[in-house]
Amino acid sequence: MKFSERHGYKGPEPEVTIREDAPENLRYAVAQIAVDCGMTPGSIRNIVCGILFVAPDQNNWSQYPNIWDEVQYLLRNCDWFKVYDVAEALYRHLQKHSPKAERYRSELNRFFRESGIGWQLTEDGVTFRGGDTFAATTAEAGQILEASGRARAASEIHEAIRDISRRPTPDLTGAMQHAMAALECTARDVLGDPNATLGSLLPRMSLPKPLDAAVEKLWGFASDRARHVREGDNVDDTQAELVVSVACAVCAFLAKRSPEERSP
């Protein structure tokens, strides 16, 4: 472990400022972390060339500096989104051939956080990373719902994150729809009413006041902007992130309540 890891030192994480870009340091880190995890420049080049559909330079045969320099050149000059494709492919390769796959994921995610990059490497590939609250809330909700046997609601959260992660154009309305569907599934199960709509379930959730009114307004906002879309009513990333975060938080709240705390 590094000194900072052994002693728990870390600086404040910057706000997310980078999404549709791959800074030069990231282009370097994607390959360097793979080397740190035991991959050779030659094996990295095979993956990079496969992603970019570029033939390897047959004149480069030594691992250092020739092939390594070739890898760096290819990563520096490719489209930004291809860098994330390469990161996913390197991670999949390590999963199949090395015990250090999770180290690769952990180190790359640390780089993302420390560089203000709004992505994270997960089992599903590179996905959207919001602020700390978004990441913590969505992760906790998914875990709680899975652990409590509410696989359908957990799946809806998964789909919400997938939609908000889509690029070049995120499906923000889809993300909100799936988040509210997760809330509806959770409320139906908790209240034992499998056919009720979310609108009829809201007054029966016994949410603390005035949070009950806030959740009802959230449902109204999501319905207006995601289900009954009107010309000119555009949703931005931050609004979709808010809806998904709050819906996940309420799902977790409902799933953790004891039967005595639930409304009949």
C-alpha atoms as a PDB file:
ATOM      1  CA  MET A   1       0.000   0.000   0.000  1.00  0.00           C
ATOM      2  CA  LYS A   2       1.058   3.563  -0.673  1.00  0.00           C
ATOM      3  CA  PHE A   3       1.979   5.865   2.220  1.00  0.00           C
ATOM      4  CA  SER A   4      -1.244   7.844   1.782  1.00  0.00           C
ATOM      5  CA  GLU A   5      -3.339   4.661   1.835  1.00  0.00           C
ATOM      6  CA  ARG A   6      -1.590   3.227   4.888  1.00  0.00           C
ATOM      7  CA  HIS A   7      -2.147   6.383   6.888  1.00  0.00           C
ATOM      8  CA  GLY A   8      -5.510   7.441   5.478  1.00  0.00           C
ATOM      9  CA  TYR A   9      -4.395  10.686   3.886  1.00  0.00           C
ATOM     10  CA  LYS A  10      -6.330  12.091   0.955  1.00  0.00           C
ATOM     11  CA  GLY A  11      -7.131  15.532  -0.332  1.00  0.00           C
ATOM     12  CA  PRO A  12     -10.597  16.932  -0.954  1.00  0.00           C
ATOM     13  CA  GLU A  13     -12.234  15.555  -4.074  1.00  0.00           C
ATOM     14  CA  PRO A  14     -12.992  18.223  -6.679  1.00  0.00           C
ATOM     15  CA  GLU A  15     -16.444  18.719  -8.153  1.00  0.00           C
ATOM     16  CA  VAL A  16     -17.256  16.835 -11.336  1.00  0.00           C
ATOM     17  CA  THR A  17     -16.202  19.061 -14.240  1.00  0.00           C
ATOM     18  CA  ILE A  18     -15.270  16.545 -16.941  1.00  0.00           C
ATOM     19  CA  ARG A  19     -17.580  14.151 -18.777  1.00  0.00           C
ATOM     20  CA  GLU A  20     -17.319  14.365 -22.550  1.00  0.00           C
ATOM     21  CA  ASP A  21     -13.551  14.541 -22.631  1.00  0.00           C
ATOM     22  CA  ALA A  22     -10.473  12.456 -21.869  1.00  0.00           C
ATOM     23  CA  PRO A  23      -7.681  14.694 -20.544  1.00  0.00           C
ATOM     24  CA  GLU A  24      -4.079  13.866 -21.372  1.00  0.00           C
ATOM     25  CA  ASN A  25      -3.405  12.569 -17.853  1.00  0.00           C
ATOM     26  CA  LEU A  26      -6.291  10.096 -18.171  1.00  0.00           C
ATOM     27  CA  ARG A  27      -4.956   8.824 -21.482  1.00  0.00           C
ATOM     28  CA  TYR A  28      -1.690   8.091 -19.714  1.00  0.00           C
ATOM     29  CA  ALA A  29      -3.275   6.661 -16.570  1.00  0.00           C
ATOM     30  CA  VAL A  30      -5.447   4.125 -18.411  1.00  0.00           C
ATOM     31  CA  ALA A  31      -2.329   2.330 -19.686  1.00  0.00           C
ATOM     32  CA  GLN A  32       0.003   3.018 -16.753  1.00  0.00           C
ATOM     33  CA  ILE A  33      -2.404   1.511 -14.215  1.00  0.00           C
ATOM     34  CA  ALA A  34      -2.645  -1.582 -16.431  1.00  0.00           C
ATOM     35  CA  VAL A  35       1.165  -1.862 -16.343  1.00  0.00           C
ATOM     36  CA  ASP A  36       1.101  -1.477 -12.564  1.00  0.00           C
ATOM     37  CA  CYS A  37      -1.348  -4.394 -12.524  1.00  0.00           C
ATOM     38  CA  GLY A  38       1.080  -6.627 -14.407  1.00  0.00           C
ATOM     39  CA  MET A  39       0.152  -6.135 -18.071  1.00  0.00           C
ATOM     40  CA  THR A  40       2.933  -5.709 -20.631  1.00  0.00           C
ATOM     41  CA  PRO A  41       2.974  -2.906 -23.205  1.00  0.00           C
ATOM     42  CA  GLY A  42       2.525  -5.583 -25.869  1.00  0.00           C
ATOM     43  CA  SER A  43      -0.675  -6.940 -24.347  1.00  0.00           C
ATOM     44  CA  ILE A  44      -1.983  -3.406 -23.850  1.00  0.00           C
ATOM     45  CA  ARG A  45      -1.177  -2.594 -27.478  1.00  0.00           C
ATOM     46  CA  ASN A  46      -3.164  -5.614 -28.665  1.00  0.00           C
ATOM     47  CA  ILE A  47      -6.236  -4.321 -26.829  1.00  0.00           C
ATOM     48  CA  VAL A  48      -5.784  -0.684 -27.900  1.00  0.00           C
ATOM     49  CA  CYS A  49      -5.303  -1.649 -31.545  1.00  0.00           C
ATOM     50  CA  GLY A  50      -8.353  -3.906 -31.379  1.00  0.00           C
ATOM     51  CA  ILE A  51     -10.523  -1.086 -30.035  1.00  0.00           C
ATOM     52  CA  LEU A  52      -9.218   1.482 -32.525  1.00  0.00           C
ATOM     53  CA  PHE A  53      -8.970  -0.919 -35.482  1.00  0.00           C
ATOM     54  CA  VAL A  54      -5.379   0.156 -36.028  1.00  0.00           C
ATOM     55  CA  ALA A  55      -2.727  -2.348 -37.095  1.00  0.00           C
ATOM     56  CA  PRO A  56       0.214  -2.667 -34.672  1.00  0.00           C
ATOM     57  CA  ASP A  57       3.465  -1.208 -35.968  1.00  0.00           C
ATOM     58  CA  GLN A  58       5.515  -4.281 -36.881  1.00  0.00           C
ATOM     59  CA  ASN A  59       8.714  -2.224 -36.588  1.00  0.00           C
ATOM     60  CA  ASN A  60       8.101  -1.869 -32.857  1.00  0.00           C
ATOM     61  CA  TRP A  61       9.159  -5.070 -31.148  1.00  0.00           C
ATOM     62  CA  SER A  62      10.777  -4.066 -27.839  1.00  0.00           C
ATOM     63  CA  GLN A  63       8.393  -3.589 -24.901  1.00  0.00           C
ATOM     64  CA  TYR A  64      10.246  -0.415 -23.820  1.00  0.00           C
ATOM     65  CA  PRO A  65      10.469   2.131 -25.222  1.00  0.00           C
ATOM     66  CA  ASN A  66       9.051   1.185 -28.626  1.00  0.00           C
ATOM     67  CA  ILE A  67       5.736  -0.558 -27.928  1.00  0.00           C
ATOM     68  CA  TRP A  68       5.052   1.561 -24.845  1.00  0.00           C
ATOM     69  CA  ASP A  69       5.587   4.735 -26.862  1.00  0.00           C
ATOM     70  CA  GLU A  70       3.263   3.369 -29.547  1.00  0.00           C
ATOM     71  CA  VAL A  71       0.535   2.738 -26.962  1.00  0.00           C
ATOM     72  CA  GLN A  72       0.926   6.271 -25.629  1.00  0.00           C
ATOM     73  CA  TYR A  73       0.765   7.740 -29.127  1.00  0.00           C
ATOM     74  CA  LEU A  74      -2.418   5.838 -29.975  1.00  0.00           C
ATOM     75  CA  LEU A  75      -4.131   6.875 -26.740  1.00  0.00           C
ATOM     76  CA  ARG A  76      -3.070  10.512 -27.067  1.00  0.00           C
ATOM     77  CA  ASN A  77      -4.498  10.784 -30.563  1.00  0.00           C
ATOM     78  CA  CYS A  78      -7.756   8.821 -30.445  1.00  0.00           C
ATOM     79  CA  ASP A  79     -11.278  10.194 -29.850  1.00  0.00           C
ATOM     80  CA  TRP A  80     -12.002  10.893 -26.192  1.00  0.00           C
ATOM     81  CA  PHE A  81     -14.703   8.232 -25.876  1.00  0.00           C
ATOM     82  CA  LYS A  82     -12.374   5.530 -27.223  1.00  0.00           C
ATOM     83  CA  VAL A  83     -10.180   6.030 -24.146  1.00  0.00           C
ATOM     84  CA  TYR A  84     -13.052   4.831 -21.954  1.00  0.00           C
ATOM     85  CA  ASP A  85     -13.613   1.902 -24.346  1.00  0.00           C
ATOM     86  CA  VAL A  86      -9.966   0.958 -23.839  1.00  0.00           C
ATOM     87  CA  ALA A  87     -10.296   1.242 -20.048  1.00  0.00           C
ATOM     88  CA  GLU A  88     -13.264  -1.141 -20.079  1.00  0.00           C
ATOM     89  CA  ALA A  89     -11.429  -3.604 -22.332  1.00  0.00           C
ATOM     90  CA  LEU A  90      -8.305  -3.583 -20.143  1.00  0.00           C
ATOM     91  CA  TYR A  91     -10.451  -4.244 -17.077  1.00  0.00           C
ATOM     92  CA  ARG A  92     -12.229  -7.167 -18.802  1.00  0.00           C
ATOM     93  CA  HIS A  93      -8.871  -8.608 -19.837  1.00  0.00           C
ATOM     94  CA  LEU A  94      -7.585  -8.442 -16.263  1.00  0.00           C
ATOM     95  CA  GLN A  95     -10.778 -10.055 -14.966  1.00  0.00           C
ATOM     96  CA  LYS A  96     -10.081 -13.061 -17.186  1.00  0.00           C
ATOM     97  CA  HIS A  97      -6.327 -13.314 -16.765  1.00  0.00           C
ATOM     98  CA  SER A  98      -5.227 -11.683 -13.518  1.00  0.00           C
ATOM     99  CA  PRO A  99      -6.164 -11.395  -9.835  1.00  0.00           C
ATOM    100  CA  LYS A 100      -5.464  -7.659 -10.059  1.00  0.00           C
ATOM    101  CA  ALA A 101      -8.601  -6.611 -11.926  1.00  0.00           C
ATOM    102  CA  GLU A 102     -10.099  -4.990  -8.845  1.00  0.00           C
ATOM    103  CA  ARG A 103      -6.886  -3.088  -8.246  1.00  0.00           C
ATOM    104  CA  TYR A 104      -7.166  -1.691 -11.764  1.00  0.00           C
ATOM    105  CA  ARG A 105     -10.752  -0.640 -11.153  1.00  0.00           C
ATOM    106  CA  SER A 106      -9.947   0.877  -7.758  1.00  0.00           C
ATOM    107  CA  GLU A 107      -6.979   2.886  -9.023  1.00  0.00           C
ATOM    108  CA  LEU A 108      -8.783   4.143 -12.111  1.00  0.00           C
ATOM    109  CA  ASN A 109     -11.779   5.196 -10.025  1.00  0.00           C
ATOM    110  CA  ARG A 110      -9.436   7.020  -7.629  1.00  0.00           C
ATOM    111  CA  PHE A 111      -8.017   8.866 -10.622  1.00  0.00           C
ATOM    112  CA  PHE A 112     -11.532   9.744 -11.804  1.00  0.00           C
ATOM    113  CA  ARG A 113     -12.429  11.134  -8.372  1.00  0.00           C
ATOM    114  CA  GLU A 114      -9.227  13.093  -7.893  1.00  0.00           C
ATOM    115  CA  SER A 115      -9.467  14.563 -11.400  1.00  0.00           C
ATOM    116  CA  GLY A 116     -13.119  15.626 -11.267  1.00  0.00           C
ATOM    117  CA  ILE A 117     -14.107  13.157 -13.999  1.00  0.00           C
ATOM    118  CA  GLY A 118     -17.800  12.249 -13.950  1.00  0.00           C
ATOM    119  CA  TRP A 119     -17.402   8.536 -14.704  1.00  0.00           C
ATOM    120  CA  GLN A 120     -16.681   5.410 -12.708  1.00  0.00           C
ATOM    121  CA  LEU A 121     -15.612   1.911 -13.680  1.00  0.00           C
ATOM    122  CA  THR A 122     -18.077  -0.697 -12.425  1.00  0.00           C
ATOM    123  CA  GLU A 123     -18.870  -4.341 -13.168  1.00  0.00           C
ATOM    124  CA  ASP A 124     -21.125  -2.998 -15.941  1.00  0.00           C
ATOM    125  CA  GLY A 125     -18.366  -0.894 -17.494  1.00  0.00           C
ATOM    126  CA  VAL A 126     -17.823   2.862 -17.314  1.00  0.00           C
ATOM    127  CA  THR A 127     -20.962   4.476 -15.900  1.00  0.00           C
ATOM    128  CA  PHE A 128     -22.148   7.902 -14.814  1.00  0.00           C
ATOM    129  CA  ARG A 129     -20.670   9.305 -11.609  1.00  0.00           C
ATOM    130  CA  GLY A 130     -22.486  12.157  -9.960  1.00  0.00           C
ATOM    131  CA  GLY A 131     -21.486  13.899  -6.779  1.00  0.00           C
ATOM    132  CA  ASP A 132     -20.737  12.008  -3.588  1.00  0.00           C
ATOM    133  CA  THR A 133     -24.389  12.109  -2.523  1.00  0.00           C
ATOM    134  CA  PHE A 134     -25.602  10.657  -5.826  1.00  0.00           C
ATOM    135  CA  ALA A 135     -23.037   7.850  -5.765  1.00  0.00           C
ATOM    136  CA  ALA A 136     -23.678   6.940  -2.133  1.00  0.00           C
ATOM    137  CA  THR A 137     -27.464   7.114  -2.392  1.00  0.00           C
ATOM    138  CA  THR A 138     -27.826   5.050  -5.554  1.00  0.00           C
ATOM    139  CA  ALA A 139     -25.345   2.433  -4.347  1.00  0.00           C
ATOM    140  CA  GLU A 140     -27.026   2.086  -0.942  1.00  0.00           C
ATOM    141  CA  ALA A 141     -30.504   1.822  -2.425  1.00  0.00           C
ATOM    142  CA  GLY A 142     -29.462  -0.890  -4.843  1.00  0.00           C
ATOM    143  CA  GLN A 143     -27.779  -2.896  -2.101  1.00  0.00           C
ATOM    144  CA  ILE A 144     -30.695  -2.586   0.334  1.00  0.00           C
ATOM    145  CA  LEU A 145     -33.275  -3.547  -2.263  1.00  0.00           C
ATOM    146  CA  GLU A 146     -31.264  -6.540  -3.436  1.00  0.00           C
ATOM    147  CA  ALA A 147     -30.707  -7.704   0.142  1.00  0.00           C
ATOM    148  CA  SER A 148     -34.413  -7.409   0.942  1.00  0.00           C
ATOM    149  CA  GLY A 149     -35.430  -9.451  -2.094  1.00  0.00           C
ATOM    150  CA  ARG A 150     -36.772  -6.551  -4.148  1.00  0.00           C
ATOM    151  CA  ALA A 151     -34.921  -7.424  -7.335  1.00  0.00           C
ATOM    152  CA  ARG A 152     -37.352  -5.603  -9.641  1.00  0.00           C
ATOM    153  CA  ALA A 153     -36.926  -2.300  -7.817  1.00  0.00           C
ATOM    154  CA  ALA A 154     -33.133  -2.757  -7.760  1.00  0.00           C
ATOM    155  CA  SER A 155     -33.235  -3.441 -11.501  1.00  0.00           C
ATOM    156  CA  GLU A 156     -35.108  -0.190 -12.105  1.00  0.00           C
ATOM    157  CA  ILE A 157     -32.385   1.730 -10.256  1.00  0.00           C
ATOM    158  CA  HIS A 158     -29.786  -0.042 -12.362  1.00  0.00           C
ATOM    159  CA  GLU A 159     -31.632   1.036 -15.518  1.00  0.00           C
ATOM    160  CA  ALA A 160     -31.895   4.614 -14.241  1.00  0.00           C
ATOM    161  CA  ILE A 161     -28.131   4.785 -13.819  1.00  0.00           C
ATOM    162  CA  ARG A 162     -27.633   3.179 -17.223  1.00  0.00           C
ATOM    163  CA  ASP A 163     -29.881   5.785 -18.881  1.00  0.00           C
ATOM    164  CA  ILE A 164     -28.206   8.744 -17.208  1.00  0.00           C
ATOM    165  CA  SER A 165     -24.834   7.293 -18.274  1.00  0.00           C
ATOM    166  CA  ARG A 166     -25.685   7.022 -21.977  1.00  0.00           C
ATOM    167  CA  ARG A 167     -23.420   9.006 -24.287  1.00  0.00           C
ATOM    168  CA  PRO A 168     -23.221  11.026 -26.400  1.00  0.00           C
ATOM    169  CA  THR A 169     -26.816  11.804 -25.341  1.00  0.00           C
ATOM    170  CA  PRO A 170     -27.983  10.680 -21.885  1.00  0.00           C
ATOM    171  CA  ASP A 171     -31.570   9.487 -21.620  1.00  0.00           C
ATOM    172  CA  LEU A 172     -32.529  11.818 -18.777  1.00  0.00           C
ATOM    173  CA  THR A 173     -36.274  11.274 -19.030  1.00  0.00           C
ATOM    174  CA  GLY A 174     -35.698   7.520 -19.077  1.00  0.00           C
ATOM    175  CA  ALA A 175     -33.537   7.806 -15.960  1.00  0.00           C
ATOM    176  CA  MET A 176     -36.310   9.635 -14.115  1.00  0.00           C
ATOM    177  CA  GLN A 177     -38.954   7.159 -15.279  1.00  0.00           C
ATOM    178  CA  HIS A 178     -36.916   4.203 -14.031  1.00  0.00           C
ATOM    179  CA  ALA A 179     -36.173   5.924 -10.717  1.00  0.00           C
ATOM    180  CA  MET A 180     -39.859   6.560 -10.079  1.00  0.00           C
ATOM    181  CA  ALA A 181     -40.665   3.000 -11.188  1.00  0.00           C
ATOM    182  CA  ALA A 182     -38.215   1.776  -8.541  1.00  0.00           C
ATOM    183  CA  LEU A 183     -40.046   3.865  -5.955  1.00  0.00           C
ATOM    184  CA  GLU A 184     -43.409   2.531  -7.110  1.00  0.00           C
ATOM    185  CA  CYS A 185     -42.189  -1.093  -6.972  1.00  0.00           C
ATOM    186  CA  THR A 186     -40.784  -0.584  -3.492  1.00  0.00           C
ATOM    187  CA  ALA A 187     -43.917   1.123  -2.182  1.00  0.00           C
ATOM    188  CA  ARG A 188     -46.189  -1.574  -3.646  1.00  0.00           C
ATOM    189  CA  ASP A 189     -44.188  -4.304  -1.941  1.00  0.00           C
ATOM    190  CA  VAL A 190     -43.814  -2.522   1.382  1.00  0.00           C
ATOM    191  CA  LEU A 191     -47.514  -1.644   1.562  1.00  0.00           C
ATOM    192  CA  GLY A 192     -48.684  -4.984   0.196  1.00  0.00           C
ATOM    193  CA  ASP A 193     -50.638  -3.490  -2.701  1.00  0.00           C
ATOM    194  CA  PRO A 194     -49.153  -4.874  -5.936  1.00  0.00           C
ATOM    195  CA  ASN A 195     -51.539  -3.103  -8.312  1.00  0.00           C
ATOM    196  CA  ALA A 196     -51.654   0.413  -6.853  1.00  0.00           C
ATOM    197  CA  THR A 197     -50.209   3.404  -8.676  1.00  0.00           C
ATOM    198  CA  LEU A 198     -47.527   5.553  -7.103  1.00  0.00           C
ATOM    199  CA  GLY A 199     -49.949   8.455  -6.835  1.00  0.00           C
ATOM    200  CA  SER A 200     -52.332   6.426  -4.672  1.00  0.00           C
ATOM    201  CA  LEU A 201     -49.469   4.989  -2.613  1.00  0.00           C
ATOM    202  CA  LEU A 202     -47.853   8.312  -1.694  1.00  0.00           C
ATOM    203  CA  PRO A 203     -50.362   9.287   1.039  1.00  0.00           C
ATOM    204  CA  ARG A 204     -49.979   5.828   2.632  1.00  0.00           C
ATOM    205  CA  MET A 205     -46.201   5.827   2.964  1.00  0.00           C
ATOM    206  CA  SER A 206     -46.279   7.579   6.352  1.00  0.00           C
ATOM    207  CA  LEU A 207     -43.364   9.801   5.386  1.00  0.00           C
ATOM    208  CA  PRO A 208     -42.421  12.454   7.946  1.00  0.00           C
ATOM    209  CA  LYS A 209     -43.919  15.868   7.250  1.00  0.00           C
ATOM    210  CA  PRO A 210     -43.115  17.951   5.253  1.00  0.00           C
ATOM    211  CA  LEU A 211     -41.098  15.301   3.387  1.00  0.00           C
ATOM    212  CA  ASP A 212     -44.337  13.651   2.270  1.00  0.00           C
ATOM    213  CA  ALA A 213     -45.244  16.809   0.358  1.00  0.00           C
ATOM    214  CA  ALA A 214     -41.741  17.062  -1.091  1.00  0.00           C
ATOM    215  CA  VAL A 215     -41.884  13.499  -2.450  1.00  0.00           C
ATOM    216  CA  GLU A 216     -45.331  14.153  -3.901  1.00  0.00           C
ATOM    217  CA  LYS A 217     -43.978  17.218  -5.702  1.00  0.00           C
ATOM    218  CA  LEU A 218     -41.011  15.186  -6.930  1.00  0.00           C
ATOM    219  CA  TRP A 219     -43.442  12.670  -8.397  1.00  0.00           C
ATOM    220  CA  GLY A 220     -45.355  15.510 -10.079  1.00  0.00           C
ATOM    221  CA  PHE A 221     -42.160  16.974 -11.524  1.00  0.00           C
ATOM    222  CA  ALA A 222     -41.007  13.599 -12.852  1.00  0.00           C
ATOM    223  CA  SER A 223     -44.449  12.935 -14.359  1.00  0.00           C
ATOM    224  CA  ASP A 224     -44.484  16.296 -16.120  1.00  0.00           C
ATOM    225  CA  ARG A 225     -40.941  16.127 -17.419  1.00  0.00           C
ATOM    226  CA  ALA A 226     -40.487  12.410 -18.039  1.00  0.00           C
ATOM    227  CA  ARG A 227     -43.904  10.917 -18.801  1.00  0.00           C
ATOM    228  CA  HIS A 228     -45.952  13.807 -20.199  1.00  0.00           C
ATOM    229  CA  VAL A 229     -43.207  15.595 -22.083  1.00  0.00           C
ATOM    230  CA  ARG A 230     -44.087  19.019 -23.455  1.00  0.00           C
ATOM    231  CA  GLU A 231     -42.177  21.054 -26.018  1.00  0.00           C
ATOM    232  CA  GLY A 232     -39.730  23.345 -24.258  1.00  0.00           C
ATOM    233  CA  ASP A 233     -39.730  21.403 -20.967  1.00  0.00           C
ATOM    234  CA  ASN A 234     -36.142  20.247 -21.148  1.00  0.00           C
ATOM    235  CA  VAL A 235     -34.418  18.365 -18.320  1.00  0.00           C
ATOM    236  CA  ASP A 236     -30.732  18.866 -17.572  1.00  0.00           C
ATOM    237  CA  ASP A 237     -28.241  16.503 -15.927  1.00  0.00           C
ATOM    238  CA  THR A 238     -28.530  18.069 -12.489  1.00  0.00           C
ATOM    239  CA  GLN A 239     -32.337  17.817 -12.427  1.00  0.00           C
ATOM    240  CA  ALA A 240     -32.278  14.165 -13.471  1.00  0.00           C
ATOM    241  CA  GLU A 241     -29.560  13.459 -10.909  1.00  0.00           C
ATOM    242  CA  LEU A 242     -31.720  15.052  -8.199  1.00  0.00           C
ATOM    243  CA  VAL A 243     -34.799  12.988  -9.108  1.00  0.00           C
ATOM    244  CA  VAL A 244     -32.824   9.732  -9.191  1.00  0.00           C
ATOM    245  CA  SER A 245     -31.066  10.540  -5.902  1.00  0.00           C
ATOM    246  CA  VAL A 246     -34.241  11.394  -3.995  1.00  0.00           C
ATOM    247  CA  ALA A 247     -36.162   8.418  -5.391  1.00  0.00           C
ATOM    248  CA  CYS A 248     -33.324   6.094  -4.329  1.00  0.00           C
ATOM    249  CA  ALA A 249     -33.188   7.643  -0.865  1.00  0.00           C
ATOM    250  CA  VAL A 250     -36.932   7.117  -0.379  1.00  0.00           C
ATOM    251  CA  CYS A 251     -36.668   3.520  -1.643  1.00  0.00           C
ATOM    252  CA  ALA A 252     -33.977   2.822   0.947  1.00  0.00           C
ATOM    253  CA  PHE A 253     -36.019   4.546   3.670  1.00  0.00           C
ATOM    254  CA  LEU A 254     -39.108   2.458   2.920  1.00  0.00           C
ATOM    255  CA  ALA A 255     -37.188  -0.813   2.639  1.00  0.00           C
ATOM    256  CA  LYS A 256     -35.471  -0.306   6.003  1.00  0.00           C
ATOM    257  CA  ARG A 257     -38.647   0.447   7.969  1.00  0.00           C
ATOM    258  CA  SER A 258     -40.017  -2.164  10.321  1.00  0.00           C
ATOM    259  CA  PRO A 259     -43.532  -3.560   9.746  1.00  0.00           C
ATOM    260  CA  GLU A 260     -44.766  -1.599  12.769  1.00  0.00           C
ATOM    261  CA  GLU A 261     -43.736   1.671  11.141  1.00  0.00           C
ATOM    262  CA  ARG A 262     -45.638   0.992   7.915  1.00  0.00           C
ATOM    263  CA  SER A 263     -49.116   2.242   7.225  1.00  0.00           C
ATOM    264  CA  PRO A 264     -51.693  -0.546   6.942  1.00  0.00           C
END
